[in-house]
Amino acid sequence: MRTADFDYELPPGLIAQSPTQPRDSSRLMVLHRQTGTIEHRRFGDIGDYLRPGDVLVLNDTRVIPARLLGNKETGGQVEVLLLHREQAGWRALVRPGKRLEVGTRLTLGEGDHTVSAVVVERGEDGSRLLTFDDEAHLPKAGEVPLPPYIHTPLEDPERYQTVYARQPGSAAAPTAGLHFTPELLEALQEQGVGVVYVTLNIGLDTFQPVRESDPTHHTIHREYVQLSPEAVGGLNRARQAHGRIVAVGTTGVRVLEQGCREGVFESFHGWCGLYILPGHRFRGVDVLLTNFHLPRSTTLLLTAAFAGRERLLSAYQEAIEQGYRFYSFGDGLLAL
């Protein structure tokens, strides 16, 4: 297995720059894994493929205003991207990285919404640990970071949040869930489909390509996860009743696979560094709902592990030929 095996050519015009309106009007490719059959539908039709007793697993994380712009004491400009909260401060990516040594003081934000920070540690991965004078002001000093391939500002920042986002902590949205509306979720539940919420606070590794020629040499960043006893109860009841576990997004897959032991889900909270590659034996996921991912990304490798590499890349090629929209604001893929 080589990283080059998970590459493909995407015309730049197919990278979605804005979300569809309404959310559930996106296209939906339905991939039947056993036969390779593909159907082209609208996202609002997803109920046609779900059964009473199935359970949708939704990641309820909320994107925080993690991008902060400002200056060093010397006047040089800096950009900070908060990754996650640690006991001693905030782990962050910074630019320019080489010039922000331990002890550097920063003023971030603008106008009445500024915060002061100091670099207290340099990580081996190039990240920094920052402490702030007043973290309560962080939400107003920062802005929600959009992925680097989106160049059009959002008129409504809430369109980069799912309608069920409630647990602040992510640097990126769980984009497979952006297609759901409250009305669609209500209709699915009336149909007998259950809903379970888990939390995985997404870091920026989701946008990082695998740079090693052998993907097994790549190191994935850890992310904070919570699988509650309430969620576990719903999942195990569904399994006992032979309902399918439908993971909404690759983040949901990682939570479920880490929390499932021999077909039984167990509650936990803490750090998740699960890196899923082709060859992985799935224990906690029966159906995957996701988007179309970047070449050579960990999310593409995970999806290939679930759907099969050749079958998935063939589906991607058909999506390109059919003009599907790719990446965060793009269309959906349901792998049955």
C-alpha atoms as a PDB file:
ATOM      1  CA  MET A   1       0.000   0.000   0.000  1.00  0.00           C
ATOM      2  CA  ARG A   2       1.343   3.384  -1.038  1.00  0.00           C
ATOM      3  CA  THR A   3       0.038   6.885  -0.492  1.00  0.00           C
ATOM      4  CA  ALA A   4       0.031   7.440  -4.256  1.00  0.00           C
ATOM      5  CA  ASP A   5      -2.678   4.764  -4.471  1.00  0.00           C
ATOM      6  CA  PHE A   6      -5.073   7.274  -2.877  1.00  0.00           C
ATOM      7  CA  ASP A   7      -4.556  10.157  -5.294  1.00  0.00           C
ATOM      8  CA  TYR A   8      -6.875  11.532  -7.954  1.00  0.00           C
ATOM      9  CA  GLU A   9      -7.127  14.594 -10.186  1.00  0.00           C
ATOM     10  CA  LEU A  10      -9.901  17.054  -9.310  1.00  0.00           C
ATOM     11  CA  PRO A  11     -10.811  20.012 -11.541  1.00  0.00           C
ATOM     12  CA  PRO A  12     -10.551  23.117  -9.302  1.00  0.00           C
ATOM     13  CA  GLY A  13     -14.027  24.212 -10.377  1.00  0.00           C
ATOM     14  CA  LEU A  14     -15.554  21.270  -8.470  1.00  0.00           C
ATOM     15  CA  ILE A  15     -14.264  22.491  -5.088  1.00  0.00           C
ATOM     16  CA  ALA A  16     -17.404  23.893  -3.470  1.00  0.00           C
ATOM     17  CA  GLN A  17     -16.876  27.484  -2.314  1.00  0.00           C
ATOM     18  CA  SER A  18     -20.249  27.935  -0.632  1.00  0.00           C
ATOM     19  CA  PRO A  19     -22.934  25.702   0.885  1.00  0.00           C
ATOM     20  CA  THR A  20     -26.143  24.804  -0.899  1.00  0.00           C
ATOM     21  CA  GLN A  21     -29.446  26.363   0.119  1.00  0.00           C
ATOM     22  CA  PRO A  22     -31.326  24.715   1.702  1.00  0.00           C
ATOM     23  CA  ARG A  23     -28.871  22.369   3.348  1.00  0.00           C
ATOM     24  CA  ASP A  24     -30.576  19.142   2.266  1.00  0.00           C
ATOM     25  CA  SER A  25     -30.715  20.141  -1.411  1.00  0.00           C
ATOM     26  CA  SER A  26     -27.144  18.879  -1.908  1.00  0.00           C
ATOM     27  CA  ARG A  27     -26.662  15.896  -4.173  1.00  0.00           C
ATOM     28  CA  LEU A  28     -26.179  12.461  -2.653  1.00  0.00           C
ATOM     29  CA  MET A  29     -24.256   9.636  -4.274  1.00  0.00           C
ATOM     30  CA  VAL A  30     -25.376   6.250  -2.952  1.00  0.00           C
ATOM     31  CA  LEU A  31     -22.702   3.553  -3.223  1.00  0.00           C
ATOM     32  CA  HIS A  32     -23.730  -0.061  -2.661  1.00  0.00           C
ATOM     33  CA  ARG A  33     -20.505  -1.655  -1.456  1.00  0.00           C
ATOM     34  CA  GLN A  34     -21.378  -5.260  -2.264  1.00  0.00           C
ATOM     35  CA  THR A  35     -22.253  -4.687  -5.907  1.00  0.00           C
ATOM     36  CA  GLY A  36     -20.579  -1.392  -6.743  1.00  0.00           C
ATOM     37  CA  THR A  37     -23.929  -0.027  -7.935  1.00  0.00           C
ATOM     38  CA  ILE A  38     -24.198   3.776  -7.771  1.00  0.00           C
ATOM     39  CA  GLU A  39     -27.347   5.876  -7.520  1.00  0.00           C
ATOM     40  CA  HIS A  40     -27.578   9.650  -7.901  1.00  0.00           C
ATOM     41  CA  ARG A  41     -30.081  11.265  -5.525  1.00  0.00           C
ATOM     42  CA  ARG A  42     -30.663  14.396  -3.425  1.00  0.00           C
ATOM     43  CA  PHE A  43     -29.658  14.473   0.201  1.00  0.00           C
ATOM     44  CA  GLY A  44     -33.253  14.941   1.292  1.00  0.00           C
ATOM     45  CA  ASP A  45     -33.928  11.432  -0.075  1.00  0.00           C
ATOM     46  CA  ILE A  46     -31.657   9.763   2.478  1.00  0.00           C
ATOM     47  CA  GLY A  47     -34.656   8.348   4.340  1.00  0.00           C
ATOM     48  CA  ASP A  48     -35.223   5.992   1.384  1.00  0.00           C
ATOM     49  CA  TYR A  49     -32.067   4.130   2.450  1.00  0.00           C
ATOM     50  CA  LEU A  50     -32.620   4.040   6.205  1.00  0.00           C
ATOM     51  CA  ARG A  51     -34.823   1.606   8.108  1.00  0.00           C
ATOM     52  CA  PRO A  52     -36.722   1.735  11.398  1.00  0.00           C
ATOM     53  CA  GLY A  53     -34.277   0.698  14.091  1.00  0.00           C
ATOM     54  CA  ASP A  54     -31.238   2.221  12.369  1.00  0.00           C
ATOM     55  CA  VAL A  55     -29.323   4.804  14.398  1.00  0.00           C
ATOM     56  CA  LEU A  56     -27.708   7.975  13.044  1.00  0.00           C
ATOM     57  CA  VAL A  57     -24.548   8.867  14.980  1.00  0.00           C
ATOM     58  CA  LEU A  58     -24.005  12.647  14.909  1.00  0.00           C
ATOM     59  CA  ASN A  59     -20.891  14.487  16.070  1.00  0.00           C
ATOM     60  CA  ASP A  60     -22.256  17.455  18.065  1.00  0.00           C
ATOM     61  CA  THR A  61     -18.978  19.378  18.249  1.00  0.00           C
ATOM     62  CA  ARG A  62     -19.098  23.110  17.520  1.00  0.00           C
ATOM     63  CA  VAL A  63     -16.402  25.060  15.674  1.00  0.00           C
ATOM     64  CA  ILE A  64     -14.838  27.714  17.887  1.00  0.00           C
ATOM     65  CA  PRO A  65     -13.437  31.114  16.743  1.00  0.00           C
ATOM     66  CA  ALA A  66     -10.019  29.471  16.612  1.00  0.00           C
ATOM     67  CA  ARG A  67      -8.246  31.824  14.168  1.00  0.00           C
ATOM     68  CA  LEU A  68      -6.628  34.864  15.765  1.00  0.00           C
ATOM     69  CA  LEU A  69      -4.630  37.586  14.010  1.00  0.00           C
ATOM     70  CA  GLY A  70      -2.332  40.010  15.762  1.00  0.00           C
ATOM     71  CA  ASN A  71       1.189  41.172  16.421  1.00  0.00           C
ATOM     72  CA  LYS A  72       4.308  40.444  18.412  1.00  0.00           C
ATOM     73  CA  GLU A  73       5.717  43.036  20.800  1.00  0.00           C
ATOM     74  CA  THR A  74       8.173  43.954  18.052  1.00  0.00           C
ATOM     75  CA  GLY A  75       5.302  44.702  15.680  1.00  0.00           C
ATOM     76  CA  GLY A  76       5.582  41.677  13.407  1.00  0.00           C
ATOM     77  CA  GLN A  77       2.297  40.144  12.287  1.00  0.00           C
ATOM     78  CA  VAL A  78       1.261  36.712  13.538  1.00  0.00           C
ATOM     79  CA  GLU A  79      -1.534  34.231  12.925  1.00  0.00           C
ATOM     80  CA  VAL A  80      -2.625  31.742  15.588  1.00  0.00           C
ATOM     81  CA  LEU A  81      -4.867  28.731  15.070  1.00  0.00           C
ATOM     82  CA  LEU A  82      -6.050  27.150  18.306  1.00  0.00           C
ATOM     83  CA  LEU A  83      -6.115  23.338  18.238  1.00  0.00           C
ATOM     84  CA  HIS A  84      -7.242  22.234  21.706  1.00  0.00           C
ATOM     85  CA  ARG A  85      -7.196  23.209  25.349  1.00  0.00           C
ATOM     86  CA  GLU A  86      -4.610  21.548  27.579  1.00  0.00           C
ATOM     87  CA  GLN A  87      -4.161  21.835  31.323  1.00  0.00           C
ATOM     88  CA  ALA A  88      -1.384  24.413  30.970  1.00  0.00           C
ATOM     89  CA  GLY A  89      -2.857  26.423  28.089  1.00  0.00           C
ATOM     90  CA  TRP A  90      -3.910  26.233  24.439  1.00  0.00           C
ATOM     91  CA  ARG A  91      -2.071  24.091  21.896  1.00  0.00           C
ATOM     92  CA  ALA A  92      -1.884  26.093  18.650  1.00  0.00           C
ATOM     93  CA  LEU A  93      -0.348  26.351  15.222  1.00  0.00           C
ATOM     94  CA  VAL A  94       1.375  29.670  14.549  1.00  0.00           C
ATOM     95  CA  ARG A  95       2.733  31.653  11.618  1.00  0.00           C
ATOM     96  CA  PRO A  96       5.476  32.598  11.158  1.00  0.00           C
ATOM     97  CA  GLY A  97       6.484  29.554  13.172  1.00  0.00           C
ATOM     98  CA  LYS A  98      10.271  29.918  13.236  1.00  0.00           C
ATOM     99  CA  ARG A  99      10.138  33.359  14.847  1.00  0.00           C
ATOM    100  CA  LEU A 100       7.783  32.610  17.719  1.00  0.00           C
ATOM    101  CA  GLU A 101      10.099  31.281  20.398  1.00  0.00           C
ATOM    102  CA  VAL A 102       9.278  30.564  24.036  1.00  0.00           C
ATOM    103  CA  GLY A 103       8.688  33.822  25.896  1.00  0.00           C
ATOM    104  CA  THR A 104       7.334  35.724  22.888  1.00  0.00           C
ATOM    105  CA  ARG A 105       4.391  37.953  23.842  1.00  0.00           C
ATOM    106  CA  LEU A 106       1.476  38.462  21.455  1.00  0.00           C
ATOM    107  CA  THR A 107      -1.491  40.811  21.161  1.00  0.00           C
ATOM    108  CA  LEU A 108      -4.314  39.134  19.257  1.00  0.00           C
ATOM    109  CA  GLY A 109      -7.613  40.487  17.930  1.00  0.00           C
ATOM    110  CA  GLU A 110      -8.457  44.096  17.171  1.00  0.00           C
ATOM    111  CA  GLY A 111     -10.199  47.109  18.626  1.00  0.00           C
ATOM    112  CA  ASP A 112     -11.980  46.438  21.901  1.00  0.00           C
ATOM    113  CA  HIS A 113     -11.679  42.678  21.369  1.00  0.00           C
ATOM    114  CA  THR A 114      -8.033  41.895  22.037  1.00  0.00           C
ATOM    115  CA  VAL A 115      -6.275  39.346  24.214  1.00  0.00           C
ATOM    116  CA  SER A 116      -2.660  39.010  25.289  1.00  0.00           C
ATOM    117  CA  ALA A 117      -0.800  35.723  25.074  1.00  0.00           C
ATOM    118  CA  VAL A 118       2.665  34.355  25.709  1.00  0.00           C
ATOM    119  CA  VAL A 119       4.393  31.349  24.146  1.00  0.00           C
ATOM    120  CA  VAL A 120       5.311  28.963  26.973  1.00  0.00           C
ATOM    121  CA  GLU A 121       6.324  25.828  25.078  1.00  0.00           C
ATOM    122  CA  ARG A 122       7.410  24.676  21.637  1.00  0.00           C
ATOM    123  CA  GLY A 123       6.116  21.259  20.576  1.00  0.00           C
ATOM    124  CA  GLU A 124       8.137  18.707  18.643  1.00  0.00           C
ATOM    125  CA  ASP A 125       5.552  18.935  15.857  1.00  0.00           C
ATOM    126  CA  GLY A 126       6.103  22.690  15.490  1.00  0.00           C
ATOM    127  CA  SER A 127       3.023  23.668  17.504  1.00  0.00           C
ATOM    128  CA  ARG A 128       3.136  26.128  20.425  1.00  0.00           C
ATOM    129  CA  LEU A 129       1.541  26.135  23.851  1.00  0.00           C
ATOM    130  CA  LEU A 130       0.048  29.546  24.634  1.00  0.00           C
ATOM    131  CA  THR A 131      -1.312  31.033  27.834  1.00  0.00           C
ATOM    132  CA  PHE A 132      -3.789  33.922  27.696  1.00  0.00           C
ATOM    133  CA  ASP A 133      -4.390  36.755  30.124  1.00  0.00           C
ATOM    134  CA  ASP A 134      -8.181  36.395  29.819  1.00  0.00           C
ATOM    135  CA  GLU A 135      -9.621  33.417  27.951  1.00  0.00           C
ATOM    136  CA  ALA A 136     -13.153  34.756  28.349  1.00  0.00           C
ATOM    137  CA  HIS A 137     -12.395  37.257  25.570  1.00  0.00           C
ATOM    138  CA  LEU A 138     -11.182  34.630  23.093  1.00  0.00           C
ATOM    139  CA  PRO A 139     -14.548  34.116  21.317  1.00  0.00           C
ATOM    140  CA  LYS A 140     -14.745  37.819  20.386  1.00  0.00           C
ATOM    141  CA  ALA A 141     -11.061  38.157  19.519  1.00  0.00           C
ATOM    142  CA  GLY A 142     -11.053  35.257  17.060  1.00  0.00           C
ATOM    143  CA  GLU A 143     -12.969  34.123  14.006  1.00  0.00           C
ATOM    144  CA  VAL A 144     -14.192  30.744  12.779  1.00  0.00           C
ATOM    145  CA  PRO A 145     -11.488  29.328  10.483  1.00  0.00           C
ATOM    146  CA  LEU A 146     -12.591  28.090   7.078  1.00  0.00           C
ATOM    147  CA  PRO A 147     -10.619  25.385   5.248  1.00  0.00           C
ATOM    148  CA  PRO A 148      -7.717  26.704   3.146  1.00  0.00           C
ATOM    149  CA  TYR A 149      -9.375  25.707  -0.144  1.00  0.00           C
ATOM    150  CA  ILE A 150     -12.423  27.930   0.510  1.00  0.00           C
ATOM    151  CA  HIS A 151     -11.728  31.443  -0.745  1.00  0.00           C
ATOM    152  CA  THR A 152     -15.196  32.983  -0.493  1.00  0.00           C
ATOM    153  CA  PRO A 153     -16.198  34.517   2.874  1.00  0.00           C
ATOM    154  CA  LEU A 154     -19.419  33.206   4.382  1.00  0.00           C
ATOM    155  CA  GLU A 155     -22.320  35.620   4.708  1.00  0.00           C
ATOM    156  CA  ASP A 156     -23.609  33.538   7.624  1.00  0.00           C
ATOM    157  CA  PRO A 157     -20.897  31.838   9.772  1.00  0.00           C
ATOM    158  CA  GLU A 158     -23.548  29.432  11.090  1.00  0.00           C
ATOM    159  CA  ARG A 159     -23.483  27.678   7.727  1.00  0.00           C
ATOM    160  CA  TYR A 160     -20.143  26.209   8.800  1.00  0.00           C
ATOM    161  CA  GLN A 161     -21.874  24.699  11.839  1.00  0.00           C
ATOM    162  CA  THR A 162     -24.223  21.724  11.899  1.00  0.00           C
ATOM    163  CA  VAL A 163     -27.762  22.470  13.084  1.00  0.00           C
ATOM    164  CA  TYR A 164     -27.063  20.257  16.122  1.00  0.00           C
ATOM    165  CA  ALA A 165     -23.657  21.708  17.077  1.00  0.00           C
ATOM    166  CA  ARG A 166     -23.552  22.245  20.854  1.00  0.00           C
ATOM    167  CA  GLN A 167     -20.139  21.243  22.272  1.00  0.00           C
ATOM    168  CA  PRO A 168     -17.524  23.971  21.522  1.00  0.00           C
ATOM    169  CA  GLY A 169     -14.024  22.761  20.785  1.00  0.00           C
ATOM    170  CA  SER A 170     -13.339  22.137  17.077  1.00  0.00           C
ATOM    171  CA  ALA A 171     -11.076  23.897  14.609  1.00  0.00           C
ATOM    172  CA  ALA A 172     -13.115  22.454  11.723  1.00  0.00           C
ATOM    173  CA  ALA A 173     -16.703  21.334  11.182  1.00  0.00           C
ATOM    174  CA  PRO A 174     -17.887  17.706  10.901  1.00  0.00           C
ATOM    175  CA  THR A 175     -18.911  18.481   7.344  1.00  0.00           C
ATOM    176  CA  ALA A 176     -20.935  15.339   6.579  1.00  0.00           C
ATOM    177  CA  GLY A 177     -23.527  16.683   9.006  1.00  0.00           C
ATOM    178  CA  LEU A 178     -23.857  20.076   7.324  1.00  0.00           C
ATOM    179  CA  HIS A 179     -26.524  18.632   5.004  1.00  0.00           C
ATOM    180  CA  PHE A 180     -29.073  17.967   7.747  1.00  0.00           C
ATOM    181  CA  THR A 181     -31.929  20.325   8.556  1.00  0.00           C
ATOM    182  CA  PRO A 182     -34.054  20.158  11.719  1.00  0.00           C
ATOM    183  CA  GLU A 183     -37.000  19.155   9.552  1.00  0.00           C
ATOM    184  CA  LEU A 184     -35.111  16.280   7.914  1.00  0.00           C
ATOM    185  CA  LEU A 185     -33.897  14.966  11.274  1.00  0.00           C
ATOM    186  CA  GLU A 186     -37.440  15.128  12.623  1.00  0.00           C
ATOM    187  CA  ALA A 187     -38.789  13.263   9.588  1.00  0.00           C
ATOM    188  CA  LEU A 188     -36.178  10.517   9.968  1.00  0.00           C
ATOM    189  CA  GLN A 189     -37.027  10.053  13.629  1.00  0.00           C
ATOM    190  CA  GLU A 190     -40.727   9.848  12.776  1.00  0.00           C
ATOM    191  CA  GLN A 191     -39.699   7.128  10.322  1.00  0.00           C
ATOM    192  CA  GLY A 192     -38.231   5.155  13.239  1.00  0.00           C
ATOM    193  CA  VAL A 193     -34.564   6.101  12.801  1.00  0.00           C
ATOM    194  CA  GLY A 194     -32.799   6.794  16.086  1.00  0.00           C
ATOM    195  CA  VAL A 195     -30.327   9.614  16.732  1.00  0.00           C
ATOM    196  CA  VAL A 196     -27.302   9.375  19.017  1.00  0.00           C
ATOM    197  CA  TYR A 197     -24.846  12.195  19.723  1.00  0.00           C
ATOM    198  CA  VAL A 198     -21.111  11.755  20.256  1.00  0.00           C
ATOM    199  CA  THR A 199     -18.359  14.368  20.451  1.00  0.00           C
ATOM    200  CA  LEU A 200     -15.006  14.528  18.678  1.00  0.00           C
ATOM    201  CA  ASN A 201     -13.331  17.939  18.647  1.00  0.00           C
ATOM    202  CA  ILE A 202     -11.776  18.125  15.202  1.00  0.00           C
ATOM    203  CA  GLY A 203      -8.213  19.346  14.753  1.00  0.00           C
ATOM    204  CA  LEU A 204      -6.498  20.467  11.578  1.00  0.00           C
ATOM    205  CA  ASP A 205      -5.088  17.058  10.700  1.00  0.00           C
ATOM    206  CA  THR A 206      -8.258  16.568   8.680  1.00  0.00           C
ATOM    207  CA  PHE A 207      -6.790  18.962   6.076  1.00  0.00           C
ATOM    208  CA  GLN A 208      -3.234  17.619   6.150  1.00  0.00           C
ATOM    209  CA  PRO A 209      -2.240  15.314   3.279  1.00  0.00           C
ATOM    210  CA  VAL A 210      -0.285  12.181   4.056  1.00  0.00           C
ATOM    211  CA  ARG A 211       3.215  13.167   2.938  1.00  0.00           C
ATOM    212  CA  GLU A 212       5.037   9.866   3.509  1.00  0.00           C
ATOM    213  CA  SER A 213       5.148   7.468   0.564  1.00  0.00           C
ATOM    214  CA  ASP A 214       4.026   4.708   2.933  1.00  0.00           C
ATOM    215  CA  PRO A 215       0.791   5.862   4.642  1.00  0.00           C
ATOM    216  CA  THR A 216       1.450   3.634   7.647  1.00  0.00           C
ATOM    217  CA  HIS A 217       4.326   5.983   8.571  1.00  0.00           C
ATOM    218  CA  HIS A 218       1.990   8.964   8.942  1.00  0.00           C
ATOM    219  CA  THR A 219       1.197  10.149  12.475  1.00  0.00           C
ATOM    220  CA  ILE A 220      -2.320  11.415  13.067  1.00  0.00           C
ATOM    221  CA  HIS A 221      -2.972  14.150  15.632  1.00  0.00           C
ATOM    222  CA  ARG A 222      -4.914  13.225  18.750  1.00  0.00           C
ATOM    223  CA  GLU A 223      -8.381  14.708  19.235  1.00  0.00           C
ATOM    224  CA  TYR A 224     -10.633  14.873  22.281  1.00  0.00           C
ATOM    225  CA  VAL A 225     -13.540  12.414  22.263  1.00  0.00           C
ATOM    226  CA  GLN A 226     -16.584  11.792  24.420  1.00  0.00           C
ATOM    227  CA  LEU A 227     -18.820   8.728  24.084  1.00  0.00           C
ATOM    228  CA  SER A 228     -21.390   9.073  26.849  1.00  0.00           C
ATOM    229  CA  PRO A 229     -23.225   6.296  28.712  1.00  0.00           C
ATOM    230  CA  GLU A 230     -26.451   7.639  27.188  1.00  0.00           C
ATOM    231  CA  ALA A 231     -25.059   7.283  23.676  1.00  0.00           C
ATOM    232  CA  VAL A 232     -23.698   3.820  24.440  1.00  0.00           C
ATOM    233  CA  GLY A 233     -27.111   2.731  25.664  1.00  0.00           C
ATOM    234  CA  GLY A 234     -28.751   3.778  22.406  1.00  0.00           C
ATOM    235  CA  LEU A 235     -26.069   2.106  20.303  1.00  0.00           C
ATOM    236  CA  ASN A 236     -26.155  -1.197  22.157  1.00  0.00           C
ATOM    237  CA  ARG A 237     -29.956  -1.331  22.099  1.00  0.00           C
ATOM    238  CA  ALA A 238     -29.893  -0.789  18.344  1.00  0.00           C
ATOM    239  CA  ARG A 239     -27.336  -3.554  17.888  1.00  0.00           C
ATOM    240  CA  GLN A 240     -29.379  -5.968  19.981  1.00  0.00           C
ATOM    241  CA  ALA A 241     -32.429  -5.180  17.833  1.00  0.00           C
ATOM    242  CA  HIS A 242     -30.370  -5.697  14.622  1.00  0.00           C
ATOM    243  CA  GLY A 243     -30.516  -2.030  13.654  1.00  0.00           C
ATOM    244  CA  ARG A 244     -27.658  -0.558  11.639  1.00  0.00           C
ATOM    245  CA  ILE A 245     -25.182   1.948  13.067  1.00  0.00           C
ATOM    246  CA  VAL A 246     -24.943   4.828  10.576  1.00  0.00           C
ATOM    247  CA  ALA A 247     -21.856   6.968  11.157  1.00  0.00           C
ATOM    248  CA  VAL A 248     -22.316  10.545   9.962  1.00  0.00           C
ATOM    249  CA  GLY A 249     -18.790  11.548   8.992  1.00  0.00           C
ATOM    250  CA  THR A 250     -15.354  10.061   9.445  1.00  0.00           C
ATOM    251  CA  THR A 251     -15.132  11.627  12.909  1.00  0.00           C
ATOM    252  CA  GLY A 252     -18.110   9.548  13.973  1.00  0.00           C
ATOM    253  CA  VAL A 253     -16.401   6.453  12.584  1.00  0.00           C
ATOM    254  CA  ARG A 254     -13.323   7.043  14.721  1.00  0.00           C
ATOM    255  CA  VAL A 255     -15.388   7.507  17.888  1.00  0.00           C
ATOM    256  CA  LEU A 256     -17.408   4.367  17.232  1.00  0.00           C
ATOM    257  CA  GLU A 257     -14.458   2.196  16.291  1.00  0.00           C
ATOM    258  CA  GLN A 258     -12.496   3.245  19.377  1.00  0.00           C
ATOM    259  CA  GLY A 259     -15.516   2.678  21.620  1.00  0.00           C
ATOM    260  CA  CYS A 260     -16.582  -0.739  20.293  1.00  0.00           C
ATOM    261  CA  ARG A 261     -15.182  -3.957  21.763  1.00  0.00           C
ATOM    262  CA  GLU A 262     -16.315  -7.245  20.238  1.00  0.00           C
ATOM    263  CA  GLY A 263     -19.527  -5.690  19.005  1.00  0.00           C
ATOM    264  CA  VAL A 264     -20.385  -3.965  22.287  1.00  0.00           C
ATOM    265  CA  PHE A 265     -20.007  -0.210  22.815  1.00  0.00           C
ATOM    266  CA  GLU A 266     -18.390   1.135  25.981  1.00  0.00           C
ATOM    267  CA  SER A 267     -18.475   4.742  27.197  1.00  0.00           C
ATOM    268  CA  PHE A 268     -15.233   6.713  27.410  1.00  0.00           C
ATOM    269  CA  HIS A 269     -13.800  10.199  27.211  1.00  0.00           C
ATOM    270  CA  GLY A 270     -10.259  11.242  26.481  1.00  0.00           C
ATOM    271  CA  TRP A 271      -7.863  11.443  23.545  1.00  0.00           C
ATOM    272  CA  CYS A 272      -8.363   9.581  20.288  1.00  0.00           C
ATOM    273  CA  GLY A 273      -5.449   8.908  17.967  1.00  0.00           C
ATOM    274  CA  LEU A 274      -7.095   6.122  15.975  1.00  0.00           C
ATOM    275  CA  TYR A 275      -5.758   6.039  12.421  1.00  0.00           C
ATOM    276  CA  ILE A 276      -7.929   3.876  10.165  1.00  0.00           C
ATOM    277  CA  LEU A 277      -6.371   2.460   6.997  1.00  0.00           C
ATOM    278  CA  PRO A 278      -7.469  -0.167   4.467  1.00  0.00           C
ATOM    279  CA  GLY A 279      -7.326  -3.527   6.186  1.00  0.00           C
ATOM    280  CA  HIS A 280      -9.081  -2.245   9.299  1.00  0.00           C
ATOM    281  CA  ARG A 281     -11.829  -4.582  10.589  1.00  0.00           C
ATOM    282  CA  PHE A 282     -14.861  -2.431  11.316  1.00  0.00           C
ATOM    283  CA  ARG A 283     -16.640  -3.357  14.532  1.00  0.00           C
ATOM    284  CA  GLY A 284     -18.894  -0.381  15.277  1.00  0.00           C
ATOM    285  CA  VAL A 285     -20.062   0.984  11.897  1.00  0.00           C
ATOM    286  CA  ASP A 286     -22.471  -0.558   9.387  1.00  0.00           C
ATOM    287  CA  VAL A 287     -23.198   2.422   7.104  1.00  0.00           C
ATOM    288  CA  LEU A 288     -21.102   5.529   6.400  1.00  0.00           C
ATOM    289  CA  LEU A 289     -22.409   8.933   5.356  1.00  0.00           C
ATOM    290  CA  THR A 290     -19.587  11.272   4.373  1.00  0.00           C
ATOM    291  CA  ASN A 291     -18.462  13.912   1.862  1.00  0.00           C
ATOM    292  CA  PHE A 292     -15.906  13.740  -0.948  1.00  0.00           C
ATOM    293  CA  HIS A 293     -12.425  14.084   0.569  1.00  0.00           C
ATOM    294  CA  LEU A 294      -9.072  15.521  -0.446  1.00  0.00           C
ATOM    295  CA  PRO A 295      -6.542  13.308  -2.256  1.00  0.00           C
ATOM    296  CA  ARG A 296      -4.017  11.571   0.018  1.00  0.00           C
ATOM    297  CA  SER A 297      -5.932  12.590   3.154  1.00  0.00           C
ATOM    298  CA  THR A 298      -6.506  10.478   6.239  1.00  0.00           C
ATOM    299  CA  THR A 299     -10.252  10.880   5.690  1.00  0.00           C
ATOM    300  CA  LEU A 300      -9.988   9.470   2.166  1.00  0.00           C
ATOM    301  CA  LEU A 301      -7.960   6.520   3.466  1.00  0.00           C
ATOM    302  CA  LEU A 302     -10.576   5.866   6.135  1.00  0.00           C
ATOM    303  CA  THR A 303     -13.396   5.962   3.571  1.00  0.00           C
ATOM    304  CA  ALA A 304     -11.413   3.615   1.319  1.00  0.00           C
ATOM    305  CA  ALA A 305     -10.996   1.242   4.245  1.00  0.00           C
ATOM    306  CA  PHE A 306     -14.787   1.113   4.572  1.00  0.00           C
ATOM    307  CA  ALA A 307     -15.841   1.078   0.918  1.00  0.00           C
ATOM    308  CA  GLY A 308     -12.803  -0.482  -0.785  1.00  0.00           C
ATOM    309  CA  ARG A 309     -10.114   1.548  -2.545  1.00  0.00           C
ATOM    310  CA  GLU A 310     -10.868   0.650  -6.153  1.00  0.00           C
ATOM    311  CA  ARG A 311     -14.625   0.906  -5.683  1.00  0.00           C
ATOM    312  CA  LEU A 312     -14.317   4.267  -3.933  1.00  0.00           C
ATOM    313  CA  LEU A 313     -11.960   5.820  -6.466  1.00  0.00           C
ATOM    314  CA  SER A 314     -14.212   4.595  -9.271  1.00  0.00           C
ATOM    315  CA  ALA A 315     -17.131   6.323  -7.522  1.00  0.00           C
ATOM    316  CA  TYR A 316     -15.031   9.500  -7.189  1.00  0.00           C
ATOM    317  CA  GLN A 317     -14.306   9.421 -10.912  1.00  0.00           C
ATOM    318  CA  GLU A 318     -18.016   9.120 -11.677  1.00  0.00           C
ATOM    319  CA  ALA A 319     -18.698  12.002  -9.262  1.00  0.00           C
ATOM    320  CA  ILE A 320     -16.209  14.146 -11.190  1.00  0.00           C
ATOM    321  CA  GLU A 321     -17.807  13.210 -14.516  1.00  0.00           C
ATOM    322  CA  GLN A 322     -21.263  14.006 -13.097  1.00  0.00           C
ATOM    323  CA  GLY A 323     -20.152  17.393 -11.732  1.00  0.00           C
ATOM    324  CA  TYR A 324     -20.526  16.675  -8.024  1.00  0.00           C
ATOM    325  CA  ARG A 325     -19.255  19.354  -5.629  1.00  0.00           C
ATOM    326  CA  PHE A 326     -16.278  18.291  -3.471  1.00  0.00           C
ATOM    327  CA  TYR A 327     -14.890  18.881   0.028  1.00  0.00           C
ATOM    328  CA  SER A 328     -16.403  20.679   3.029  1.00  0.00           C
ATOM    329  CA  PHE A 329     -19.356  22.431   1.342  1.00  0.00           C
ATOM    330  CA  GLY A 330     -19.721  19.723  -1.282  1.00  0.00           C
ATOM    331  CA  ASP A 331     -22.154  16.892  -1.833  1.00  0.00           C
ATOM    332  CA  GLY A 332     -22.670  13.722   0.186  1.00  0.00           C
ATOM    333  CA  LEU A 333     -21.717  10.069  -0.285  1.00  0.00           C
ATOM    334  CA  LEU A 334     -23.701   7.288   1.387  1.00  0.00           C
ATOM    335  CA  ALA A 335     -21.818   3.980   1.490  1.00  0.00           C
ATOM    336  CA  LEU A 336     -24.206   1.111   2.261  1.00  0.00           C
END
